[in-house]
């Protein structure tokens, strides 16, 4: 089981959280009408090996969105920060 050190609530089990997706993606501009840009953003995903930044929602706690650095190979948790204070 993964354990996250929530900046608000402290150390918590992963069962309190919901995975929110890749935190490294950059959304196209709202007025970008290029279908290829939107297709790539919505449908194309990398499957990284090693350290990766992800969004997690603390559903059963403070309800904050977090950016978690997790090693996809070992599942070791690194940096955990509030999403509103973190940059992609």
N, C-alpha and C. Protein backbone atom coordinates (compact mmCIF):
# COMPACT_ATOMS: atom_id res chain seq x y z
N UNK A 1 0.84 -1.17 0.00
CA UNK A 1 0.00 0.00 0.00
C UNK A 1 0.89 1.24 0.00
N UNK A 2 0.47 2.23 -0.77
CA UNK A 2 1.18 3.52 -0.78
C UNK A 2 0.76 4.34 0.42
N UNK A 3 1.68 5.15 0.91
CA UNK A 3 1.37 6.08 2.00
C UNK A 3 1.86 7.46 1.57
N UNK A 4 0.95 8.42 1.60
CA UNK A 4 1.27 9.79 1.21
C UNK A 4 1.38 10.67 2.44
N UNK A 5 2.33 11.57 2.42
CA UNK A 5 2.46 12.55 3.48
C UNK A 5 1.75 13.82 3.03
N UNK A 6 0.46 13.88 3.30
CA UNK A 6 -0.35 15.03 2.89
C UNK A 6 0.13 16.28 3.63
N UNK A 7 0.36 17.39 2.93
CA UNK A 7 0.83 18.61 3.59
C UNK A 7 -0.17 19.16 4.61
N UNK A 8 -1.43 18.80 4.50
CA UNK A 8 -2.46 19.29 5.42
C UNK A 8 -2.74 18.30 6.54
N UNK A 9 -2.86 17.01 6.19
CA UNK A 9 -3.32 15.99 7.14
C UNK A 9 -2.22 15.09 7.70
N UNK A 10 -1.05 15.09 7.12
CA UNK A 10 0.02 14.20 7.56
C UNK A 10 0.00 12.89 6.79
N UNK A 11 0.64 11.88 7.34
CA UNK A 11 0.80 10.59 6.69
C UNK A 11 -0.54 9.85 6.62
N UNK A 12 -0.93 9.45 5.38
CA UNK A 12 -2.21 8.78 5.16
C UNK A 12 -2.05 7.64 4.15
N UNK A 13 -2.95 6.65 4.25
CA UNK A 13 -2.97 5.53 3.31
C UNK A 13 -3.55 5.96 1.97
N UNK A 14 -3.14 5.26 0.91
CA UNK A 14 -3.62 5.60 -0.44
C UNK A 14 -5.12 5.41 -0.59
N UNK A 15 -5.75 4.62 0.28
CA UNK A 15 -7.19 4.38 0.18
C UNK A 15 -7.99 5.66 0.40
N UNK A 16 -7.38 6.68 0.98
CA UNK A 16 -8.06 7.97 1.19
C UNK A 16 -7.99 8.87 -0.04
N UNK A 17 -7.24 8.45 -1.06
CA UNK A 17 -6.97 9.28 -2.22
C UNK A 17 -7.54 8.68 -3.49
N UNK A 18 -7.74 9.53 -4.48
CA UNK A 18 -8.13 9.12 -5.81
C UNK A 18 -7.10 9.66 -6.79
N UNK A 19 -6.66 8.79 -7.71
CA UNK A 19 -5.69 9.19 -8.72
C UNK A 19 -6.32 10.18 -9.68
N UNK A 20 -5.60 11.26 -9.99
CA UNK A 20 -6.15 12.30 -10.84
C UNK A 20 -5.47 12.46 -12.19
N UNK A 21 -4.42 11.71 -12.46
CA UNK A 21 -3.79 11.79 -13.77
C UNK A 21 -2.38 12.34 -13.74
N UNK A 22 -1.84 12.48 -14.93
CA UNK A 22 -0.47 12.94 -15.16
C UNK A 22 -0.36 14.43 -14.88
N UNK A 23 0.56 14.80 -14.00
CA UNK A 23 0.73 16.22 -13.65
C UNK A 23 1.76 16.91 -14.53
N UNK A 24 2.29 16.22 -15.53
CA UNK A 24 3.30 16.84 -16.38
C UNK A 24 2.72 17.33 -17.71
N UNK A 25 1.47 17.00 -17.99
CA UNK A 25 0.85 17.42 -19.25
C UNK A 25 0.57 18.92 -19.25
N UNK A 26 0.74 19.52 -20.40
CA UNK A 26 0.44 20.94 -20.57
C UNK A 26 -0.76 21.05 -21.50
N UNK A 27 -1.84 21.60 -21.00
CA UNK A 27 -3.07 21.72 -21.77
C UNK A 27 -2.90 22.77 -22.87
N UNK A 28 -3.42 22.50 -24.07
CA UNK A 28 -3.37 23.52 -25.13
C UNK A 28 -4.17 24.76 -24.70
N UNK A 29 -3.85 25.88 -25.28
CA UNK A 29 -4.57 27.12 -24.98
C UNK A 29 -6.05 26.94 -25.28
N UNK A 30 -6.89 27.60 -24.52
CA UNK A 30 -8.34 27.47 -24.66
C UNK A 30 -8.81 27.80 -26.08
N UNK A 31 -8.17 28.76 -26.70
CA UNK A 31 -8.59 29.18 -28.04
C UNK A 31 -7.84 28.45 -29.16
N UNK A 32 -7.06 27.43 -28.81
CA UNK A 32 -6.33 26.64 -29.81
C UNK A 32 -7.33 25.74 -30.54
N UNK A 33 -7.48 25.94 -31.83
CA UNK A 33 -8.45 25.16 -32.61
C UNK A 33 -7.80 24.03 -33.40
N UNK A 34 -6.53 23.81 -33.19
CA UNK A 34 -5.82 22.74 -33.89
C UNK A 34 -6.23 21.39 -33.29
N UNK A 35 -6.94 20.58 -34.07
CA UNK A 35 -7.45 19.30 -33.59
C UNK A 35 -6.33 18.34 -33.19
N UNK A 36 -5.18 18.43 -33.86
CA UNK A 36 -4.06 17.55 -33.52
C UNK A 36 -3.53 17.83 -32.12
N UNK A 37 -3.46 19.11 -31.75
CA UNK A 37 -2.99 19.46 -30.40
C UNK A 37 -3.92 18.88 -29.34
N UNK A 38 -5.23 19.02 -29.56
CA UNK A 38 -6.20 18.51 -28.59
C UNK A 38 -6.22 16.98 -28.59
N UNK A 39 -6.10 16.37 -29.75
CA UNK A 39 -6.04 14.90 -29.81
C UNK A 39 -4.86 14.39 -28.99
N UNK A 40 -3.70 14.97 -29.19
CA UNK A 40 -2.51 14.55 -28.47
C UNK A 40 -2.68 14.74 -26.96
N UNK A 41 -3.26 15.86 -26.55
CA UNK A 41 -3.46 16.15 -25.13
C UNK A 41 -4.43 15.16 -24.48
N UNK A 42 -5.51 14.85 -25.17
CA UNK A 42 -6.56 14.00 -24.59
C UNK A 42 -6.21 12.52 -24.65
N UNK A 43 -5.64 12.06 -25.77
CA UNK A 43 -5.51 10.62 -25.98
C UNK A 43 -4.11 10.04 -25.87
N UNK A 44 -3.07 10.81 -26.09
CA UNK A 44 -1.73 10.24 -26.10
C UNK A 44 -1.07 10.39 -24.74
N UNK A 45 -0.65 9.27 -24.17
CA UNK A 45 0.00 9.27 -22.87
C UNK A 45 1.28 8.46 -22.92
N UNK A 46 2.28 8.94 -22.20
CA UNK A 46 3.51 8.18 -22.03
C UNK A 46 3.32 7.21 -20.87
N UNK A 47 4.12 6.20 -20.83
CA UNK A 47 4.14 5.26 -19.72
C UNK A 47 5.54 5.31 -19.13
N UNK A 48 5.81 6.33 -18.30
CA UNK A 48 7.19 6.56 -17.85
C UNK A 48 7.68 5.48 -16.89
N UNK A 49 8.97 5.31 -16.89
CA UNK A 49 9.63 4.40 -15.96
C UNK A 49 10.52 5.23 -15.06
N UNK A 50 10.24 5.23 -13.78
CA UNK A 50 11.02 6.02 -12.84
C UNK A 50 10.18 7.13 -12.23
N UNK A 51 10.83 8.19 -11.81
CA UNK A 51 10.15 9.30 -11.14
C UNK A 51 9.14 9.96 -12.08
N UNK A 52 7.95 10.19 -11.56
CA UNK A 52 6.87 10.77 -12.36
C UNK A 52 5.97 11.59 -11.44
N UNK A 53 5.47 12.72 -11.96
CA UNK A 53 4.57 13.58 -11.17
C UNK A 53 3.12 13.29 -11.53
N UNK A 54 2.29 13.11 -10.50
CA UNK A 54 0.90 12.74 -10.68
C UNK A 54 0.01 13.61 -9.80
N UNK A 55 -1.25 13.80 -10.25
CA UNK A 55 -2.24 14.45 -9.41
C UNK A 55 -2.97 13.39 -8.59
N UNK A 56 -3.18 13.68 -7.31
CA UNK A 56 -3.96 12.83 -6.42
C UNK A 56 -4.91 13.74 -5.64
N UNK A 57 -6.14 13.28 -5.46
CA UNK A 57 -7.17 14.04 -4.74
C UNK A 57 -7.39 13.37 -3.39
N UNK A 58 -7.25 14.14 -2.31
CA UNK A 58 -7.44 13.59 -0.96
C UNK A 58 -8.93 13.61 -0.62
N UNK A 59 -9.64 12.66 -1.16
CA UNK A 59 -11.10 12.59 -1.09
C UNK A 59 -11.60 12.39 0.33
N UNK A 60 -10.96 11.53 1.10
CA UNK A 60 -11.44 11.22 2.43
C UNK A 60 -10.68 11.98 3.52
N UNK A 61 -10.14 13.10 3.15
CA UNK A 61 -9.40 13.92 4.11
C UNK A 61 -9.72 15.38 3.88
N UNK A 62 -8.70 16.13 3.58
CA UNK A 62 -8.82 17.59 3.44
C UNK A 62 -9.41 18.02 2.10
N UNK A 63 -9.61 17.06 1.18
CA UNK A 63 -10.19 17.30 -0.16
C UNK A 63 -9.30 18.18 -1.04
N UNK A 64 -8.04 18.29 -0.73
CA UNK A 64 -7.10 19.06 -1.53
C UNK A 64 -6.56 18.21 -2.68
N UNK A 65 -6.22 18.87 -3.78
CA UNK A 65 -5.51 18.23 -4.88
C UNK A 65 -4.03 18.33 -4.59
N UNK A 66 -3.31 17.23 -4.77
CA UNK A 66 -1.88 17.17 -4.50
C UNK A 66 -1.12 16.80 -5.77
N UNK A 67 0.10 17.23 -5.84
CA UNK A 67 1.04 16.75 -6.85
C UNK A 67 2.01 15.84 -6.11
N UNK A 68 2.06 14.59 -6.53
CA UNK A 68 2.88 13.57 -5.88
C UNK A 68 3.93 13.09 -6.85
N UNK A 69 5.17 13.08 -6.41
CA UNK A 69 6.23 12.48 -7.23
C UNK A 69 6.38 11.04 -6.78
N UNK A 70 6.08 10.12 -7.70
CA UNK A 70 6.09 8.69 -7.39
C UNK A 70 6.98 7.98 -8.40
N UNK A 71 7.80 7.07 -7.91
CA UNK A 71 8.62 6.24 -8.79
C UNK A 71 7.74 5.11 -9.30
N UNK A 72 7.50 5.05 -10.60
CA UNK A 72 6.59 4.06 -11.16
C UNK A 72 7.19 2.65 -11.15
N UNK A 73 8.46 2.55 -10.89
CA UNK A 73 9.11 1.24 -10.84
C UNK A 73 9.06 0.65 -9.43
N UNK A 74 9.34 1.48 -8.42
CA UNK A 74 9.40 0.99 -7.04
C UNK A 74 8.20 1.45 -6.20
N UNK A 75 7.42 2.38 -6.71
CA UNK A 75 6.29 3.00 -6.01
C UNK A 75 6.72 3.84 -4.81
N UNK A 76 8.00 4.17 -4.74
CA UNK A 76 8.47 5.05 -3.67
C UNK A 76 7.90 6.45 -3.87
N UNK A 77 7.42 7.04 -2.79
CA UNK A 77 6.83 8.38 -2.84
C UNK A 77 7.90 9.40 -2.48
N UNK A 78 8.02 10.41 -3.32
CA UNK A 78 8.97 11.50 -3.07
C UNK A 78 8.22 12.74 -2.63
N UNK A 79 8.39 13.80 -3.37
CA UNK A 79 7.77 15.08 -3.08
C UNK A 79 6.24 14.99 -3.10
N UNK A 80 5.59 15.59 -2.11
CA UNK A 80 4.13 15.74 -2.09
C UNK A 80 3.85 17.20 -1.81
N UNK A 81 3.12 17.87 -2.70
CA UNK A 81 2.84 19.30 -2.54
C UNK A 81 1.40 19.59 -2.93
N UNK A 82 0.85 20.65 -2.40
CA UNK A 82 -0.48 21.09 -2.82
C UNK A 82 -0.42 21.50 -4.28
N UNK A 83 -1.39 21.07 -5.07
CA UNK A 83 -1.38 21.34 -6.51
C UNK A 83 -1.45 22.84 -6.78
N UNK A 84 -2.16 23.59 -5.96
CA UNK A 84 -2.28 25.02 -6.20
C UNK A 84 -0.96 25.77 -5.98
N UNK A 85 -0.03 25.14 -5.29
CA UNK A 85 1.28 25.75 -5.03
C UNK A 85 2.38 25.15 -5.88
N UNK A 86 2.04 24.21 -6.74
CA UNK A 86 3.03 23.50 -7.55
C UNK A 86 2.88 23.87 -9.01
N UNK A 87 3.97 23.83 -9.73
CA UNK A 87 3.95 24.11 -11.18
C UNK A 87 4.14 22.80 -11.92
N UNK A 88 3.45 22.63 -13.06
CA UNK A 88 3.62 21.40 -13.85
C UNK A 88 5.04 21.28 -14.42
